[in-house]
Amino acid sequence: MVKKTKGSGKYGARYGAPLKQKRQSVEDKQKKKYNCPLCLKQKVKRISSGIWHCKKCNVKFAGRAYSLRE
């Protein structure tokens, strides 16, 4: 049976579980889709650190580095 791992599974037995869990939570936040503050649709994705783009209304705006809201 193959064990399923998330993005932090690439580190194997290195760096310890708490650090890998923290990194995985940050990756989950930045890959999640968020609601647009203008059109209110769930179409906002992260382009780069602090830059977000809504695919519905085609607007770019600044926000937090890894998530729009905590």
C-alpha atoms as a PDB file:
ATOM      1  CA  MET A   1       0.000   0.000   0.000  1.00  0.00           C
ATOM      2  CA  VAL A   2       1.313   3.422  -0.981  1.00  0.00           C
ATOM      3  CA  LYS A   3       1.215   6.108   1.714  1.00  0.00           C
ATOM      4  CA  LYS A   4      -0.304   9.366   0.485  1.00  0.00           C
ATOM      5  CA  THR A   5       1.557  12.514   1.479  1.00  0.00           C
ATOM      6  CA  LYS A   6       1.010  16.192   0.861  1.00  0.00           C
ATOM      7  CA  GLY A   7       3.589  18.691  -0.371  1.00  0.00           C
ATOM      8  CA  SER A   8       5.758  18.363   2.727  1.00  0.00           C
ATOM      9  CA  GLY A   9       6.171  14.622   2.148  1.00  0.00           C
ATOM     10  CA  LYS A  10       9.066  15.413  -0.166  1.00  0.00           C
ATOM     11  CA  TYR A  11      11.236  16.076   2.892  1.00  0.00           C
ATOM     12  CA  GLY A  12      10.981  12.461   4.109  1.00  0.00           C
ATOM     13  CA  ALA A  13      12.414  11.890   7.586  1.00  0.00           C
ATOM     14  CA  ARG A  14      14.231  15.234   7.685  1.00  0.00           C
ATOM     15  CA  TYR A  15      13.439  18.455   9.623  1.00  0.00           C
ATOM     16  CA  GLY A  16      10.857  17.033  12.059  1.00  0.00           C
ATOM     17  CA  ALA A  17       7.084  16.781  12.013  1.00  0.00           C
ATOM     18  CA  PRO A  18       6.181  20.179  13.546  1.00  0.00           C
ATOM     19  CA  LEU A  19       8.164  22.132  10.948  1.00  0.00           C
ATOM     20  CA  LYS A  20       6.722  20.094   8.093  1.00  0.00           C
ATOM     21  CA  GLN A  21       3.176  20.586   9.436  1.00  0.00           C
ATOM     22  CA  LYS A  22       3.697  24.345   9.702  1.00  0.00           C
ATOM     23  CA  ARG A  23       5.005  24.508   6.129  1.00  0.00           C
ATOM     24  CA  GLN A  24       2.080  22.421   4.897  1.00  0.00           C
ATOM     25  CA  SER A  25      -0.450  24.751   6.537  1.00  0.00           C
ATOM     26  CA  VAL A  26       1.183  27.773   4.846  1.00  0.00           C
ATOM     27  CA  GLU A  27       1.110  26.001   1.466  1.00  0.00           C
ATOM     28  CA  ASP A  28      -2.560  25.108   1.948  1.00  0.00           C
ATOM     29  CA  LYS A  29      -3.426  28.751   2.706  1.00  0.00           C
ATOM     30  CA  GLN A  30      -1.631  30.146  -0.326  1.00  0.00           C
ATOM     31  CA  LYS A  31      -3.126  27.602  -2.765  1.00  0.00           C
ATOM     32  CA  LYS A  32      -6.692  28.053  -1.494  1.00  0.00           C
ATOM     33  CA  LYS A  33      -9.179  30.153  -3.492  1.00  0.00           C
ATOM     34  CA  TYR A  34     -10.559  33.201  -1.688  1.00  0.00           C
ATOM     35  CA  ASN A  35     -13.550  35.495  -2.160  1.00  0.00           C
ATOM     36  CA  CYS A  36     -12.992  38.648  -4.179  1.00  0.00           C
ATOM     37  CA  PRO A  37     -13.614  41.850  -2.198  1.00  0.00           C
ATOM     38  CA  LEU A  38     -15.145  43.535  -5.288  1.00  0.00           C
ATOM     39  CA  CYS A  39     -17.331  40.927  -7.023  1.00  0.00           C
ATOM     40  CA  LEU A  40     -17.656  38.583  -3.987  1.00  0.00           C
ATOM     41  CA  LYS A  41     -17.024  35.453  -6.073  1.00  0.00           C
ATOM     42  CA  GLN A  42     -14.620  32.734  -4.949  1.00  0.00           C
ATOM     43  CA  LYS A  43     -12.155  33.262  -7.794  1.00  0.00           C
ATOM     44  CA  VAL A  44      -9.117  34.921  -6.172  1.00  0.00           C
ATOM     45  CA  LYS A  45      -5.766  33.143  -6.432  1.00  0.00           C
ATOM     46  CA  ARG A  46      -2.297  34.133  -5.316  1.00  0.00           C
ATOM     47  CA  ILE A  47       0.078  35.272  -8.085  1.00  0.00           C
ATOM     48  CA  SER A  48       3.117  35.982  -5.926  1.00  0.00           C
ATOM     49  CA  SER A  49       3.869  37.078  -2.393  1.00  0.00           C
ATOM     50  CA  GLY A  50       1.202  39.621  -1.475  1.00  0.00           C
ATOM     51  CA  ILE A  51      -0.278  39.916  -4.987  1.00  0.00           C
ATOM     52  CA  TRP A  52      -3.720  38.442  -5.662  1.00  0.00           C
ATOM     53  CA  HIS A  53      -5.789  38.163  -8.859  1.00  0.00           C
ATOM     54  CA  CYS A  54      -9.522  37.661  -9.360  1.00  0.00           C
ATOM     55  CA  LYS A  55     -10.268  35.634 -12.476  1.00  0.00           C
ATOM     56  CA  LYS A  56     -13.896  36.799 -12.611  1.00  0.00           C
ATOM     57  CA  CYS A  57     -13.502  40.591 -12.582  1.00  0.00           C
ATOM     58  CA  ASN A  58      -9.844  40.546 -13.721  1.00  0.00           C
ATOM     59  CA  VAL A  59      -8.540  42.805 -10.961  1.00  0.00           C
ATOM     60  CA  LYS A  60      -5.192  42.581  -9.191  1.00  0.00           C
ATOM     61  CA  PHE A  61      -4.748  43.791  -5.647  1.00  0.00           C
ATOM     62  CA  ALA A  62      -2.410  43.558  -2.698  1.00  0.00           C
ATOM     63  CA  GLY A  63      -3.051  41.538   0.417  1.00  0.00           C
ATOM     64  CA  ARG A  64      -1.227  39.431   2.939  1.00  0.00           C
ATOM     65  CA  ALA A  65       1.700  37.308   1.787  1.00  0.00           C
ATOM     66  CA  TYR A  66       0.142  33.837   2.129  1.00  0.00           C
ATOM     67  CA  SER A  67      -3.572  34.471   2.645  1.00  0.00           C
ATOM     68  CA  LEU A  68      -6.051  37.301   2.178  1.00  0.00           C
ATOM     69  CA  ARG A  69      -7.403  36.995   5.713  1.00  0.00           C
ATOM     70  CA  GLU A  70      -6.418  35.044   8.807  1.00  0.00           C
END
